[in-house]
Amino acid sequence: LAVRGETFGVAVAEAMAAGAVPVVSQLDSFTDFVHPGKNGIVFDQTAPDAAGRLADALAGLIADPTLRVRLAASAQVSTRSYDFPCLAERLLEDFSTLLPPADRQT
């Protein structure tokens, strides 16, 4: 129920890579990569009933194993874009845009 998060949710991403379903507050550090109903659950930590919303999200995952398995699988797949080889490739592509067109490798 924190009002601030990490600059990037490393712990959340690591849990996702291990096959856990992320249940996170609606902070930018999480919502950049946790997408409600696709690869996790996001709740409004500023709502007056924030603790209840968190409890409902967790109870929903416990009660619905099909949803839990689907979200966990999607979460695990989505974190692959942060693997070093993928991330390095994206960085190199970004860096290449800084070069003059004649110096770019295609």
PDB file of N, CA and C in Angstrom:
ATOM      1  N   LEU A   1       0.813  -1.193   0.000  1.00  0.00           N
ATOM      2  CA  LEU A   1       0.000   0.000   0.000  1.00  0.00           C
ATOM      3  C   LEU A   1       0.856   1.256   0.000  1.00  0.00           C
ATOM      4  N   ALA A   2       2.093   1.108  -0.418  1.00  0.00           N
ATOM      5  CA  ALA A   2       3.024   2.233  -0.448  1.00  0.00           C
ATOM      6  C   ALA A   2       2.591   3.280  -1.464  1.00  0.00           C
ATOM      7  N   VAL A   3       3.018   4.499  -1.229  1.00  0.00           N
ATOM      8  CA  VAL A   3       2.704   5.573  -2.165  1.00  0.00           C
ATOM      9  C   VAL A   3       3.846   5.836  -3.134  1.00  0.00           C
ATOM     10  N   ARG A   4       4.980   5.194  -2.929  1.00  0.00           N
ATOM     11  CA  ARG A   4       6.119   5.316  -3.838  1.00  0.00           C
ATOM     12  C   ARG A   4       6.688   3.933  -4.088  1.00  0.00           C
ATOM     13  N   GLY A   5       7.329   3.781  -5.249  1.00  0.00           N
ATOM     14  CA  GLY A   5       7.932   2.502  -5.585  1.00  0.00           C
ATOM     15  C   GLY A   5       9.338   2.686  -6.100  1.00  0.00           C
ATOM     16  N   GLU A   6       9.944   1.584  -6.481  1.00  0.00           N
ATOM     17  CA  GLU A   6      11.274   1.624  -7.077  1.00  0.00           C
ATOM     18  C   GLU A   6      11.198   2.360  -8.419  1.00  0.00           C
ATOM     19  N   THR A   7      12.346   2.746  -8.949  1.00  0.00           N
ATOM     20  CA  THR A   7      12.335   3.347 -10.278  1.00  0.00           C
ATOM     21  C   THR A   7      11.940   2.308 -11.319  1.00  0.00           C
ATOM     22  N   PHE A   8      12.269   1.076 -11.087  1.00  0.00           N
ATOM     23  CA  PHE A   8      11.803  -0.047 -11.894  1.00  0.00           C
ATOM     24  C   PHE A   8      11.542  -1.172 -10.920  1.00  0.00           C
ATOM     25  N   GLY A   9      10.460  -1.865 -11.056  1.00  0.00           N
ATOM     26  CA  GLY A   9      10.077  -2.898 -10.101  1.00  0.00           C
ATOM     27  C   GLY A   9      10.868  -4.181 -10.266  1.00  0.00           C
ATOM     28  N   VAL A  10      12.135  -4.154  -9.909  1.00  0.00           N
ATOM     29  CA  VAL A  10      13.013  -5.308 -10.102  1.00  0.00           C
ATOM     30  C   VAL A  10      12.480  -6.542  -9.380  1.00  0.00           C
ATOM     31  N   ALA A  11      12.078  -6.379  -8.129  1.00  0.00           N
ATOM     32  CA  ALA A  11      11.577  -7.532  -7.364  1.00  0.00           C
ATOM     33  C   ALA A  11      10.336  -8.116  -8.028  1.00  0.00           C
ATOM     34  N   VAL A  12       9.469  -7.252  -8.535  1.00  0.00           N
ATOM     35  CA  VAL A  12       8.256  -7.721  -9.208  1.00  0.00           C
ATOM     36  C   VAL A  12       8.623  -8.448 -10.501  1.00  0.00           C
ATOM     37  N   ALA A  13       9.523  -7.884 -11.281  1.00  0.00           N
ATOM     38  CA  ALA A  13       9.940  -8.521 -12.534  1.00  0.00           C
ATOM     39  C   ALA A  13      10.597  -9.874 -12.270  1.00  0.00           C
ATOM     40  N   GLU A  14      11.402  -9.967 -11.223  1.00  0.00           N
ATOM     41  CA  GLU A  14      12.034 -11.244 -10.881  1.00  0.00           C
ATOM     42  C   GLU A  14      10.991 -12.280 -10.483  1.00  0.00           C
ATOM     43  N   ALA A  15       9.992 -11.863  -9.718  1.00  0.00           N
ATOM     44  CA  ALA A  15       8.924 -12.781  -9.332  1.00  0.00           C
ATOM     45  C   ALA A  15       8.145 -13.248 -10.559  1.00  0.00           C
ATOM     46  N   MET A  16       7.880 -12.321 -11.480  1.00  0.00           N
ATOM     47  CA  MET A  16       7.181 -12.675 -12.714  1.00  0.00           C
ATOM     48  C   MET A  16       7.987 -13.690 -13.516  1.00  0.00           C
ATOM     49  N   ALA A  17       9.290 -13.467 -13.621  1.00  0.00           N
ATOM     50  CA  ALA A  17      10.153 -14.386 -14.367  1.00  0.00           C
ATOM     51  C   ALA A  17      10.148 -15.778 -13.749  1.00  0.00           C
ATOM     52  N   ALA A  18       9.933 -15.837 -12.440  1.00  0.00           N
ATOM     53  CA  ALA A  18       9.892 -17.125 -11.742  1.00  0.00           C
ATOM     54  C   ALA A  18       8.511 -17.769 -11.820  1.00  0.00           C
ATOM     55  N   GLY A  19       7.547 -17.082 -12.441  1.00  0.00           N
ATOM     56  CA  GLY A  19       6.223 -17.673 -12.624  1.00  0.00           C
ATOM     57  C   GLY A  19       5.178 -17.218 -11.629  1.00  0.00           C
ATOM     58  N   ALA A  20       5.446 -16.155 -10.888  1.00  0.00           N
ATOM     59  CA  ALA A  20       4.455 -15.634  -9.947  1.00  0.00           C
ATOM     60  C   ALA A  20       3.566 -14.601 -10.646  1.00  0.00           C
ATOM     61  N   VAL A  21       2.327 -14.516 -10.191  1.00  0.00           N
ATOM     62  CA  VAL A  21       1.414 -13.500 -10.695  1.00  0.00           C
ATOM     63  C   VAL A  21       1.631 -12.227  -9.885  1.00  0.00           C
ATOM     64  N   PRO A  22       1.993 -11.128 -10.530  1.00  0.00           N
ATOM     65  CA  PRO A  22       2.163  -9.895  -9.776  1.00  0.00           C
ATOM     66  C   PRO A  22       0.823  -9.275  -9.404  1.00  0.00           C
ATOM     67  N   VAL A  23       0.710  -8.899  -8.155  1.00  0.00           N
ATOM     68  CA  VAL A  23      -0.421  -8.116  -7.660  1.00  0.00           C
ATOM     69  C   VAL A  23       0.216  -6.858  -7.100  1.00  0.00           C
ATOM     70  N   VAL A  24       0.073  -5.762  -7.835  1.00  0.00           N
ATOM     71  CA  VAL A  24       0.821  -4.557  -7.505  1.00  0.00           C
ATOM     72  C   VAL A  24      -0.097  -3.343  -7.383  1.00  0.00           C
ATOM     73  N   SER A  25       0.413  -2.350  -6.671  1.00  0.00           N
ATOM     74  CA  SER A  25      -0.302  -1.086  -6.581  1.00  0.00           C
ATOM     75  C   SER A  25      -0.135  -0.316  -7.885  1.00  0.00           C
ATOM     76  N   GLN A  26      -0.963   0.663  -8.061  1.00  0.00           N
ATOM     77  CA  GLN A  26      -1.031   1.424  -9.306  1.00  0.00           C
ATOM     78  C   GLN A  26       0.062   2.497  -9.350  1.00  0.00           C
ATOM     79  N   LEU A  27       1.312   2.070  -9.262  1.00  0.00           N
ATOM     80  CA  LEU A  27       2.450   2.979  -9.332  1.00  0.00           C
ATOM     81  C   LEU A  27       3.102   2.854 -10.705  1.00  0.00           C
ATOM     82  N   ASP A  28       3.628   3.969 -11.222  1.00  0.00           N
ATOM     83  CA  ASP A  28       4.272   3.942 -12.534  1.00  0.00           C
ATOM     84  C   ASP A  28       5.375   2.905 -12.611  1.00  0.00           C
ATOM     85  N   SER A  29       6.081   2.693 -11.507  1.00  0.00           N
ATOM     86  CA  SER A  29       7.194   1.742 -11.522  1.00  0.00           C
ATOM     87  C   SER A  29       6.720   0.314 -11.786  1.00  0.00           C
ATOM     88  N   PHE A  30       5.432   0.058 -11.601  1.00  0.00           N
ATOM     89  CA  PHE A  30       4.886  -1.281 -11.860  1.00  0.00           C
ATOM     90  C   PHE A  30       4.041  -1.304 -13.132  1.00  0.00           C
ATOM     91  N   THR A  31       3.235  -0.281 -13.337  1.00  0.00           N
ATOM     92  CA  THR A  31       2.287  -0.315 -14.451  1.00  0.00           C
ATOM     93  C   THR A  31       2.961  -0.144 -15.813  1.00  0.00           C
ATOM     94  N   ASP A  32       4.248   0.150 -15.817  1.00  0.00           N
ATOM     95  CA  ASP A  32       4.981   0.165 -17.086  1.00  0.00           C
ATOM     96  C   ASP A  32       5.089  -1.237 -17.668  1.00  0.00           C
ATOM     97  N   PHE A  33       5.042  -2.268 -16.810  1.00  0.00           N
ATOM     98  CA  PHE A  33       5.205  -3.626 -17.332  1.00  0.00           C
ATOM     99  C   PHE A  33       4.199  -4.631 -16.783  1.00  0.00           C
ATOM    100  N   VAL A  34       3.424  -4.278 -15.784  1.00  0.00           N
ATOM    101  CA  VAL A  34       2.342  -5.142 -15.300  1.00  0.00           C
ATOM    102  C   VAL A  34       1.044  -4.587 -15.872  1.00  0.00           C
ATOM    103  N   HIS A  35       0.374  -5.401 -16.679  1.00  0.00           N
ATOM    104  CA  HIS A  35      -0.827  -4.974 -17.382  1.00  0.00           C
ATOM    105  C   HIS A  35      -2.032  -5.749 -16.842  1.00  0.00           C
ATOM    106  N   PRO A  36      -2.969  -5.027 -16.228  1.00  0.00           N
ATOM    107  CA  PRO A  36      -4.106  -5.669 -15.572  1.00  0.00           C
ATOM    108  C   PRO A  36      -4.862  -6.644 -16.483  1.00  0.00           C
ATOM    109  N   GLY A  37      -5.067  -7.846 -15.980  1.00  0.00           N
ATOM    110  CA  GLY A  37      -5.817  -8.850 -16.721  1.00  0.00           C
ATOM    111  C   GLY A  37      -5.036  -9.535 -17.815  1.00  0.00           C
ATOM    112  N   LYS A  38      -3.846  -9.033 -18.121  1.00  0.00           N
ATOM    113  CA  LYS A  38      -3.005  -9.651 -19.151  1.00  0.00           C
ATOM    114  C   LYS A  38      -1.867 -10.442 -18.535  1.00  0.00           C
ATOM    115  N   ASN A  39      -1.118  -9.798 -17.634  1.00  0.00           N
ATOM    116  CA  ASN A  39       0.005 -10.501 -17.010  1.00  0.00           C
ATOM    117  C   ASN A  39       0.080 -10.230 -15.502  1.00  0.00           C
ATOM    118  N   GLY A  40      -0.998  -9.705 -14.941  1.00  0.00           N
ATOM    119  CA  GLY A  40      -1.012  -9.448 -13.513  1.00  0.00           C
ATOM    120  C   GLY A  40      -2.257  -8.703 -13.096  1.00  0.00           C
ATOM    121  N   ILE A  41      -2.243  -8.258 -11.853  1.00  0.00           N
ATOM    122  CA  ILE A  41      -3.363  -7.507 -11.294  1.00  0.00           C
ATOM    123  C   ILE A  41      -2.820  -6.220 -10.689  1.00  0.00           C
ATOM    124  N   VAL A  42      -3.508  -5.122 -10.968  1.00  0.00           N
ATOM    125  CA  VAL A  42      -3.126  -3.807 -10.446  1.00  0.00           C
ATOM    126  C   VAL A  42      -4.318  -3.279  -9.648  1.00  0.00           C
ATOM    127  N   PHE A  43      -4.038  -2.783  -8.449  1.00  0.00           N
ATOM    128  CA  PHE A  43      -5.114  -2.211  -7.638  1.00  0.00           C
ATOM    129  C   PHE A  43      -4.750  -0.778  -7.253  1.00  0.00           C
ATOM    130  N   ASP A  44      -5.764  -0.002  -6.930  1.00  0.00           N
ATOM    131  CA  ASP A  44      -5.579   1.405  -6.570  1.00  0.00           C
ATOM    132  C   ASP A  44      -5.226   1.521  -5.091  1.00  0.00           C
ATOM    133  N   GLN A  45      -3.978   1.802  -4.824  1.00  0.00           N
ATOM    134  CA  GLN A  45      -3.504   1.908  -3.451  1.00  0.00           C
ATOM    135  C   GLN A  45      -3.947   3.196  -2.770  1.00  0.00           C
ATOM    136  N   THR A  46      -4.514   4.126  -3.541  1.00  0.00           N
ATOM    137  CA  THR A  46      -4.977   5.387  -2.956  1.00  0.00           C
ATOM    138  C   THR A  46      -6.452   5.342  -2.573  1.00  0.00           C
ATOM    139  N   ALA A  47      -7.134   4.294  -2.949  1.00  0.00           N
ATOM    140  CA  ALA A  47      -8.558   4.174  -2.633  1.00  0.00           C
ATOM    141  C   ALA A  47      -8.738   4.004  -1.124  1.00  0.00           C
ATOM    142  N   PRO A  48      -9.851   4.505  -0.584  1.00  0.00           N
ATOM    143  CA  PRO A  48     -10.096   4.356   0.854  1.00  0.00           C
ATOM    144  C   PRO A  48     -10.109   2.891   1.307  1.00  0.00           C
ATOM    145  N   ASP A  49     -10.502   2.002   0.410  1.00  0.00           N
ATOM    146  CA  ASP A  49     -10.557   0.574   0.737  1.00  0.00           C
ATOM    147  C   ASP A  49      -9.413  -0.196   0.072  1.00  0.00           C
ATOM    148  N   ALA A  50      -8.224   0.403   0.020  1.00  0.00           N
ATOM    149  CA  ALA A  50      -7.076  -0.193  -0.681  1.00  0.00           C
ATOM    150  C   ALA A  50      -6.746  -1.585  -0.150  1.00  0.00           C
ATOM    151  N   ALA A  51      -6.736  -1.751   1.155  1.00  0.00           N
ATOM    152  CA  ALA A  51      -6.421  -3.068   1.721  1.00  0.00           C
ATOM    153  C   ALA A  51      -7.457  -4.106   1.290  1.00  0.00           C
ATOM    154  N   GLY A  52      -8.704  -3.705   1.228  1.00  0.00           N
ATOM    155  CA  GLY A  52      -9.755  -4.604   0.761  1.00  0.00           C
ATOM    156  C   GLY A  52      -9.586  -4.966  -0.697  1.00  0.00           C
ATOM    157  N   ARG A  53      -9.181  -3.991  -1.497  1.00  0.00           N
ATOM    158  CA  ARG A  53      -8.938  -4.259  -2.926  1.00  0.00           C
ATOM    159  C   ARG A  53      -7.789  -5.249  -3.107  1.00  0.00           C
ATOM    160  N   LEU A  54      -6.755  -5.075  -2.320  1.00  0.00           N
ATOM    161  CA  LEU A  54      -5.635  -6.017  -2.374  1.00  0.00           C
ATOM    162  C   LEU A  54      -6.103  -7.405  -1.956  1.00  0.00           C
ATOM    163  N   ALA A  55      -6.847  -7.475  -0.874  1.00  0.00           N
ATOM    164  CA  ALA A  55      -7.359  -8.767  -0.396  1.00  0.00           C
ATOM    165  C   ALA A  55      -8.255  -9.416  -1.445  1.00  0.00           C
ATOM    166  N   ASP A  56      -9.103  -8.629  -2.090  1.00  0.00           N
ATOM    167  CA  ASP A  56      -9.980  -9.168  -3.136  1.00  0.00           C
ATOM    168  C   ASP A  56      -9.181  -9.717  -4.313  1.00  0.00           C
ATOM    169  N   ALA A  57      -8.122  -9.009  -4.696  1.00  0.00           N
ATOM    170  CA  ALA A  57      -7.281  -9.472  -5.807  1.00  0.00           C
ATOM    171  C   ALA A  57      -6.624 -10.804  -5.464  1.00  0.00           C
ATOM    172  N   LEU A  58      -6.103 -10.901  -4.257  1.00  0.00           N
ATOM    173  CA  LEU A  58      -5.464 -12.151  -3.842  1.00  0.00           C
ATOM    174  C   LEU A  58      -6.472 -13.287  -3.730  1.00  0.00           C
ATOM    175  N   ALA A  59      -7.636 -12.985  -3.167  1.00  0.00           N
ATOM    176  CA  ALA A  59      -8.683 -14.011  -3.038  1.00  0.00           C
ATOM    177  C   ALA A  59      -9.149 -14.489  -4.403  1.00  0.00           C
ATOM    178  N   GLY A  60      -9.239 -13.558  -5.352  1.00  0.00           N
ATOM    179  CA  GLY A  60      -9.640 -13.933  -6.707  1.00  0.00           C
ATOM    180  C   GLY A  60      -8.658 -14.895  -7.351  1.00  0.00           C
ATOM    181  N   LEU A  61      -7.373 -14.671  -7.131  1.00  0.00           N
ATOM    182  CA  LEU A  61      -6.357 -15.580  -7.681  1.00  0.00           C
ATOM    183  C   LEU A  61      -6.415 -16.948  -7.018  1.00  0.00           C
ATOM    184  N   ILE A  62      -6.656 -16.956  -5.728  1.00  0.00           N
ATOM    185  CA  ILE A  62      -6.757 -18.233  -5.012  1.00  0.00           C
ATOM    186  C   ILE A  62      -7.974 -19.020  -5.493  1.00  0.00           C
ATOM    187  N   ALA A  63      -9.073 -18.311  -5.729  1.00  0.00           N
ATOM    188  CA  ALA A  63     -10.321 -18.971  -6.116  1.00  0.00           C
ATOM    189  C   ALA A  63     -10.361 -19.402  -7.577  1.00  0.00           C
ATOM    190  N   ASP A  64      -9.515 -18.820  -8.410  1.00  0.00           N
ATOM    191  CA  ASP A  64      -9.581 -19.090  -9.853  1.00  0.00           C
ATOM    192  C   ASP A  64      -8.225 -19.581 -10.365  1.00  0.00           C
ATOM    193  N   PRO A  65      -7.972 -20.886 -10.249  1.00  0.00           N
ATOM    194  CA  PRO A  65      -6.678 -21.408 -10.697  1.00  0.00           C
ATOM    195  C   PRO A  65      -6.423 -21.220 -12.196  1.00  0.00           C
ATOM    196  N   THR A  66      -7.465 -21.206 -12.998  1.00  0.00           N
ATOM    197  CA  THR A  66      -7.287 -21.003 -14.437  1.00  0.00           C
ATOM    198  C   THR A  66      -6.736 -19.602 -14.704  1.00  0.00           C
ATOM    199  N   LEU A  67      -7.316 -18.610 -14.051  1.00  0.00           N
ATOM    200  CA  LEU A  67      -6.824 -17.240 -14.179  1.00  0.00           C
ATOM    201  C   LEU A  67      -5.389 -17.144 -13.683  1.00  0.00           C
ATOM    202  N   ARG A  68      -5.124 -17.757 -12.553  1.00  0.00           N
ATOM    203  CA  ARG A  68      -3.789 -17.708 -11.951  1.00  0.00           C
ATOM    204  C   ARG A  68      -2.740 -18.301 -12.896  1.00  0.00           C
ATOM    205  N   VAL A  69      -3.044 -19.427 -13.486  1.00  0.00           N
ATOM    206  CA  VAL A  69      -2.095 -20.077 -14.405  1.00  0.00           C
ATOM    207  C   VAL A  69      -1.897 -19.232 -15.657  1.00  0.00           C
ATOM    208  N   ARG A  70      -2.995 -18.674 -16.191  1.00  0.00           N
ATOM    209  CA  ARG A  70      -2.896 -17.846 -17.407  1.00  0.00           C
ATOM    210  C   ARG A  70      -2.066 -16.593 -17.148  1.00  0.00           C
ATOM    211  N   LEU A  71      -2.344 -15.903 -16.048  1.00  0.00           N
ATOM    212  CA  LEU A  71      -1.593 -14.686 -15.741  1.00  0.00           C
ATOM    213  C   LEU A  71      -0.127 -14.994 -15.447  1.00  0.00           C
ATOM    214  N   ALA A  72       0.129 -16.080 -14.740  1.00  0.00           N
ATOM    215  CA  ALA A  72       1.509 -16.450 -14.419  1.00  0.00           C
ATOM    216  C   ALA A  72       2.308 -16.747 -15.686  1.00  0.00           C
ATOM    217  N   ALA A  73       1.698 -17.488 -16.613  1.00  0.00           N
ATOM    218  CA  ALA A  73       2.390 -17.811 -17.865  1.00  0.00           C
ATOM    219  C   ALA A  73       2.668 -16.546 -18.672  1.00  0.00           C
ATOM    220  N   SER A  74       1.697 -15.669 -18.741  1.00  0.00           N
ATOM    221  CA  SER A  74       1.872 -14.418 -19.476  1.00  0.00           C
ATOM    222  C   SER A  74       2.919 -13.525 -18.810  1.00  0.00           C
ATOM    223  N   ALA A  75       2.902 -13.493 -17.484  1.00  0.00           N
ATOM    224  CA  ALA A  75       3.892 -12.693 -16.749  1.00  0.00           C
ATOM    225  C   ALA A  75       5.300 -13.197 -17.046  1.00  0.00           C
ATOM    226  N   GLN A  76       5.453 -14.507 -17.044  1.00  0.00           N
ATOM    227  CA  GLN A  76       6.772 -15.088 -17.289  1.00  0.00           C
ATOM    228  C   GLN A  76       7.258 -14.753 -18.698  1.00  0.00           C
ATOM    229  N   VAL A  77       6.388 -14.863 -19.667  1.00  0.00           N
ATOM    230  CA  VAL A  77       6.760 -14.549 -21.051  1.00  0.00           C
ATOM    231  C   VAL A  77       7.103 -13.064 -21.193  1.00  0.00           C
ATOM    232  N   SER A  78       6.314 -12.204 -20.579  1.00  0.00           N
ATOM    233  CA  SER A  78       6.522 -10.767 -20.762  1.00  0.00           C
ATOM    234  C   SER A  78       7.841 -10.276 -20.186  1.00  0.00           C
ATOM    235  N   THR A  79       8.380 -10.971 -19.211  1.00  0.00           N
ATOM    236  CA  THR A  79       9.655 -10.529 -18.640  1.00  0.00           C
ATOM    237  C   THR A  79      10.844 -10.890 -19.513  1.00  0.00           C
ATOM    238  N   ARG A  80      10.636 -11.724 -20.505  1.00  0.00           N
ATOM    239  CA  ARG A  80      11.758 -12.098 -21.380  1.00  0.00           C
ATOM    240  C   ARG A  80      12.318 -10.899 -22.133  1.00  0.00           C
ATOM    241  N   SER A  81      11.501  -9.873 -22.321  1.00  0.00           N
ATOM    242  CA  SER A  81      11.999  -8.685 -23.021  1.00  0.00           C
ATOM    243  C   SER A  81      13.037  -7.937 -22.181  1.00  0.00           C
ATOM    244  N   TYR A  82      13.170  -8.302 -20.904  1.00  0.00           N
ATOM    245  CA  TYR A  82      14.177  -7.690 -20.034  1.00  0.00           C
ATOM    246  C   TYR A  82      15.414  -8.567 -19.865  1.00  0.00           C
ATOM    247  N   ASP A  83      15.446  -9.736 -20.524  1.00  0.00           N
ATOM    248  CA  ASP A  83      16.647 -10.569 -20.497  1.00  0.00           C
ATOM    249  C   ASP A  83      17.783  -9.775 -21.144  1.00  0.00           C
ATOM    250  N   PHE A  84      19.001 -10.013 -20.679  1.00  0.00           N
ATOM    251  CA  PHE A  84      20.140  -9.228 -21.150  1.00  0.00           C
ATOM    252  C   PHE A  84      20.286  -9.212 -22.675  1.00  0.00           C
ATOM    253  N   PRO A  85      20.188 -10.342 -23.366  1.00  0.00           N
ATOM    254  CA  PRO A  85      20.354 -10.280 -24.825  1.00  0.00           C
ATOM    255  C   PRO A  85      19.292  -9.404 -25.506  1.00  0.00           C
ATOM    256  N   CYS A  86      18.043  -9.508 -25.071  1.00  0.00           N
ATOM    257  CA  CYS A  86      16.969  -8.693 -25.659  1.00  0.00           C
ATOM    258  C   CYS A  86      17.162  -7.225 -25.327  1.00  0.00           C
ATOM    259  N   LEU A  87      17.473  -6.959 -24.092  1.00  0.00           N
ATOM    260  CA  LEU A  87      17.667  -5.582 -23.660  1.00  0.00           C
ATOM    261  C   LEU A  87      18.873  -4.965 -24.357  1.00  0.00           C
ATOM    262  N   ALA A  88      19.956  -5.720 -24.489  1.00  0.00           N
ATOM    263  CA  ALA A  88      21.151  -5.219 -25.165  1.00  0.00           C
ATOM    264  C   ALA A  88      20.839  -4.886 -26.627  1.00  0.00           C
ATOM    265  N   GLU A  89      20.072  -5.739 -27.281  1.00  0.00           N
ATOM    266  CA  GLU A  89      19.704  -5.493 -28.673  1.00  0.00           C
ATOM    267  C   GLU A  89      18.897  -4.205 -28.804  1.00  0.00           C
ATOM    268  N   ARG A  90      17.943  -4.007 -27.898  1.00  0.00           N
ATOM    269  CA  ARG A  90      17.137  -2.777 -27.940  1.00  0.00           C
ATOM    270  C   ARG A  90      17.993  -1.545 -27.670  1.00  0.00           C
ATOM    271  N   LEU A  91      18.929  -1.665 -26.752  1.00  0.00           N
ATOM    272  CA  LEU A  91      19.815  -0.536 -26.470  1.00  0.00           C
ATOM    273  C   LEU A  91      20.672  -0.193 -27.677  1.00  0.00           C
ATOM    274  N   LEU A  92      21.223  -1.223 -28.313  1.00  0.00           N
ATOM    275  CA  LEU A  92      22.041  -0.983 -29.504  1.00  0.00           C
ATOM    276  C   LEU A  92      21.224  -0.327 -30.613  1.00  0.00           C
ATOM    277  N   GLU A  93      19.977  -0.767 -30.780  1.00  0.00           N
ATOM    278  CA  GLU A  93      19.104  -0.144 -31.778  1.00  0.00           C
ATOM    279  C   GLU A  93      18.871   1.328 -31.438  1.00  0.00           C
ATOM    280  N   ASP A  94      18.612   1.601 -30.165  1.00  0.00           N
ATOM    281  CA  ASP A  94      18.413   2.991 -29.746  1.00  0.00           C
ATOM    282  C   ASP A  94      19.669   3.821 -29.954  1.00  0.00           C
ATOM    283  N   PHE A  95      20.822   3.270 -29.578  1.00  0.00           N
ATOM    284  CA  PHE A  95      22.081   4.005 -29.731  1.00  0.00           C
ATOM    285  C   PHE A  95      22.372   4.293 -31.195  1.00  0.00           C
ATOM    286  N   SER A  96      22.018   3.351 -32.073  1.00  0.00           N
ATOM    287  CA  SER A  96      22.306   3.549 -33.499  1.00  0.00           C
ATOM    288  C   SER A  96      21.549   4.739 -34.064  1.00  0.00           C
ATOM    289  N   THR A  97      20.424   5.090 -33.458  1.00  0.00           N
ATOM    290  CA  THR A  97      19.667   6.252 -33.951  1.00  0.00           C
ATOM    291  C   THR A  97      20.390   7.557 -33.652  1.00  0.00           C
ATOM    292  N   LEU A  98      21.380   7.514 -32.792  1.00  0.00           N
ATOM    293  CA  LEU A  98      22.150   8.706 -32.465  1.00  0.00           C
ATOM    294  C   LEU A  98      23.256   8.962 -33.485  1.00  0.00           C
ATOM    295  N   LEU A  99      23.567   7.968 -34.290  1.00  0.00           N
ATOM    296  CA  LEU A  99      24.613   8.098 -35.304  1.00  0.00           C
ATOM    297  C   LEU A  99      24.057   8.742 -36.562  1.00  0.00           C
ATOM    298  N   PRO A 100      24.910   9.446 -37.282  1.00  0.00           N
ATOM    299  CA  PRO A 100      24.467   9.968 -38.591  1.00  0.00           C
ATOM    300  C   PRO A 100      24.125   8.787 -39.496  1.00  0.00           C
ATOM    301  N   PRO A 101      23.168   8.937 -40.402  1.00  0.00           N
ATOM    302  CA  PRO A 101      22.735   7.832 -41.255  1.00  0.00           C
ATOM    303  C   PRO A 101      23.889   7.115 -41.963  1.00  0.00           C
ATOM    304  N   ALA A 102      24.921   7.825 -42.391  1.00  0.00           N
ATOM    305  CA  ALA A 102      26.022   7.195 -43.120  1.00  0.00           C
ATOM    306  C   ALA A 102      26.821   6.251 -42.232  1.00  0.00           C
ATOM    307  N   ASP A 103      26.807   6.455 -40.915  1.00  0.00           N
ATOM    308  CA  ASP A 103      27.592   5.634 -40.002  1.00  0.00           C
ATOM    309  C   ASP A 103      26.799   4.456 -39.400  1.00  0.00           C
ATOM    310  N   ARG A 104      25.529   4.367 -39.722  1.00  0.00           N
ATOM    311  CA  ARG A 104      24.689   3.292 -39.160  1.00  0.00           C
ATOM    312  C   ARG A 104      24.939   1.996 -39.873  1.00  0.00           C
ATOM    313  N   GLN A 105      24.957   0.906 -39.097  1.00  0.00           N
ATOM    314  CA  GLN A 105      25.054  -0.422 -39.667  1.00  0.00           C
ATOM    315  C   GLN A 105      23.644  -0.953 -39.848  1.00  0.00           C
ATOM    316  N   THR A 106      23.371  -1.551 -40.973  1.00  0.00           N
ATOM    317  CA  THR A 106      22.031  -2.102 -41.210  1.00  0.00           C
ATOM    318  C   THR A 106      22.037  -3.584 -41.170  1.00  0.00           C
TER     319      THR A 106
END
